[in-house]
């Protein structure tokens, strides 16, 4: 699955960068996030509950931040296991650019899913992933932009 997008966050690039590296902000913004802990400045572990079509799963996984270029860009890579529901693994390149309205956040995701959720079909998985990304960015914009 490949997905990319762009969102305007009504805040400075430094504020957006700081929020993207703040476990409390991310925990509050990620749909279905039950736990998110930073074990180091570049490593996190998370538990997220999500539903894709008829399959509800609790994913536990680890995320690593790489290629850090503060406050401009980084790469997120990780893997989550959802028991019999399957797994998801992949990464995303995130780039921040100053614009008159605040900060433009661009992302390019490349992810793979396997197990029961992979049997649901790419159209359902893609639409669910896009919906979850939109929810995250709406939450993130409100929290960081103070809307």
Protein backbone atom coordinates (compact mmCIF):
# COMPACT_ATOMS: atom_id res chain seq x y z
CA UNK A 1 0.00 0.00 0.00
CA UNK A 2 1.29 3.40 -0.93
CA UNK A 3 -0.28 6.61 0.29
CA UNK A 4 0.80 10.22 0.26
CA UNK A 5 -0.72 13.47 1.30
CA UNK A 6 -0.20 17.00 2.43
CA UNK A 7 -1.71 18.96 5.31
CA UNK A 8 -1.39 22.56 6.45
CA UNK A 9 -0.88 22.86 10.22
CA UNK A 10 -1.55 26.39 11.54
CA UNK A 11 1.65 26.54 13.61
CA UNK A 12 5.37 27.23 13.15
CA UNK A 13 7.59 24.52 11.71
CA UNK A 14 9.45 24.27 15.04
CA UNK A 15 6.17 23.78 16.94
CA UNK A 16 5.03 21.09 14.49
CA UNK A 17 8.42 19.32 14.73
CA UNK A 18 8.29 19.40 18.51
CA UNK A 19 4.74 18.00 18.54
CA UNK A 20 5.67 15.20 16.10
CA UNK A 21 8.30 14.14 18.64
CA UNK A 22 6.06 14.42 21.73
CA UNK A 23 4.56 11.12 22.91
CA UNK A 24 1.69 12.86 24.76
CA UNK A 25 0.64 14.82 21.66
CA UNK A 26 0.87 11.76 19.41
CA UNK A 27 -1.02 9.56 21.89
CA UNK A 28 -3.86 12.11 21.93
CA UNK A 29 -3.98 12.42 18.12
CA UNK A 30 -3.59 8.84 16.85
CA UNK A 31 -7.05 7.25 16.41
CA UNK A 32 -7.42 4.19 18.66
CA UNK A 33 -4.10 4.74 20.44
CA UNK A 34 -4.16 3.11 23.88
CA UNK A 35 -0.47 3.43 24.73
CA UNK A 36 2.51 5.27 23.31
CA UNK A 37 5.81 5.35 25.11
CA UNK A 38 9.13 6.81 24.02
CA UNK A 39 12.03 4.56 25.02
CA UNK A 40 14.56 6.98 23.49
CA UNK A 41 14.38 10.17 21.39
CA UNK A 42 14.17 7.98 18.26
CA UNK A 43 12.26 4.90 19.47
CA UNK A 44 8.64 4.43 20.51
CA UNK A 45 6.36 1.53 21.30
CA UNK A 46 2.62 1.74 20.81
CA UNK A 47 -0.64 -0.15 21.20
CA UNK A 48 -3.42 0.85 18.80
CA UNK A 49 -6.89 -0.65 18.39
CA UNK A 50 -8.43 -0.28 14.96
CA UNK A 51 -11.18 -1.77 12.85
CA UNK A 52 -10.76 -2.53 9.17
CA UNK A 53 -14.08 -3.67 7.76
CA UNK A 54 -15.30 -6.55 9.94
CA UNK A 55 -11.88 -7.14 11.54
CA UNK A 56 -11.07 -5.39 14.82
CA UNK A 57 -7.51 -5.78 16.00
CA UNK A 58 -5.15 -4.56 18.68
CA UNK A 59 -1.75 -3.86 17.18
CA UNK A 60 1.36 -3.69 19.33
CA UNK A 61 4.44 -2.41 17.67
CA UNK A 62 7.64 -0.46 17.64
CA UNK A 63 8.47 2.68 15.69
CA UNK A 64 11.89 4.11 14.90
CA UNK A 65 12.68 7.64 13.71
CA UNK A 66 15.54 7.80 11.22
CA UNK A 67 17.20 10.28 8.85
CA UNK A 68 16.45 13.09 11.29
CA UNK A 69 16.90 16.57 9.86
CA UNK A 70 15.27 18.85 12.49
CA UNK A 71 12.99 20.73 11.97
CA UNK A 72 12.66 19.74 8.30
CA UNK A 73 12.17 16.00 7.87
CA UNK A 74 12.50 12.45 9.11
CA UNK A 75 11.64 8.88 8.23
CA UNK A 76 9.35 6.79 10.42
CA UNK A 77 9.64 3.02 10.17
CA UNK A 78 7.87 0.39 12.19
CA UNK A 79 6.04 -2.87 12.51
CA UNK A 80 2.90 -3.82 14.39
CA UNK A 81 1.51 -7.25 15.18
CA UNK A 82 -2.22 -7.81 15.61
CA UNK A 83 -2.32 -11.47 16.60
CA UNK A 84 -4.52 -13.57 14.32
CA UNK A 85 -5.65 -10.41 12.53
CA UNK A 86 -2.20 -10.10 11.01
CA UNK A 87 0.55 -7.53 10.84
CA UNK A 88 1.44 -4.19 9.33
CA UNK A 89 4.91 -2.90 8.61
CA UNK A 90 6.35 -0.06 6.64
CA UNK A 91 7.54 3.47 6.78
CA UNK A 92 6.82 7.07 5.96
CA UNK A 93 8.93 10.02 4.88
CA UNK A 94 7.73 13.24 6.52
CA UNK A 95 8.76 16.71 5.33
CA UNK A 96 7.88 20.06 6.91
CA UNK A 97 7.87 23.29 4.88
CA UNK A 98 7.06 26.81 6.07
CA UNK A 99 4.08 28.34 4.23
CA UNK A 100 2.15 31.59 4.88
CA UNK A 101 -0.63 29.64 6.68
CA UNK A 102 1.84 27.87 9.01
CA UNK A 103 3.57 24.59 8.15
CA UNK A 104 2.90 22.22 5.31
CA UNK A 105 3.40 18.59 6.30
CA UNK A 106 3.96 16.23 3.37
CA UNK A 107 4.10 12.47 3.83
CA UNK A 108 4.78 9.43 1.65
CA UNK A 109 3.85 6.06 3.14
CA UNK A 110 4.84 2.62 1.94
CA UNK A 111 3.33 -0.17 4.04
CA UNK A 112 2.57 -3.86 3.80
CA UNK A 113 -0.12 -5.83 5.61
CA UNK A 114 -0.43 -9.56 6.05
CA UNK A 115 -2.68 -12.13 7.67
CA UNK A 116 -6.43 -11.86 7.99
CA UNK A 117 -6.51 -8.11 7.28
CA UNK A 118 -4.67 -8.63 3.97
CA UNK A 119 -7.58 -10.82 2.81
CA UNK A 120 -9.98 -7.87 3.08
CA UNK A 121 -8.72 -6.36 -0.13
CA UNK A 122 -6.58 -3.37 -0.94
CA UNK A 123 -9.49 -1.00 -1.60
CA UNK A 124 -10.90 -1.43 1.93
CA UNK A 125 -7.44 -1.26 3.52
CA UNK A 126 -6.51 1.87 1.52
CA UNK A 127 -9.76 3.69 2.33
CA UNK A 128 -9.44 2.82 6.04
CA UNK A 129 -5.81 3.98 6.11
CA UNK A 130 -6.75 7.28 4.41
CA UNK A 131 -9.61 7.81 6.88
CA UNK A 132 -7.31 7.16 9.87
CA UNK A 133 -4.67 9.52 8.43
CA UNK A 134 -7.29 12.26 7.97
CA UNK A 135 -8.49 11.76 11.56
CA UNK A 136 -4.92 11.99 12.83
CA UNK A 137 -4.18 15.21 10.94
CA UNK A 138 -7.47 16.81 12.00
CA UNK A 139 -6.68 15.98 15.65
CA UNK A 140 -3.04 17.07 15.24
CA UNK A 141 -3.97 20.40 13.61
CA UNK A 142 -6.45 21.19 16.40
CA UNK A 143 -3.99 20.28 19.15
CA UNK A 144 -0.88 21.94 17.69
CA UNK A 145 -2.59 24.81 15.90
CA UNK A 146 -4.78 25.62 18.88
CA UNK A 147 -7.94 25.62 16.77
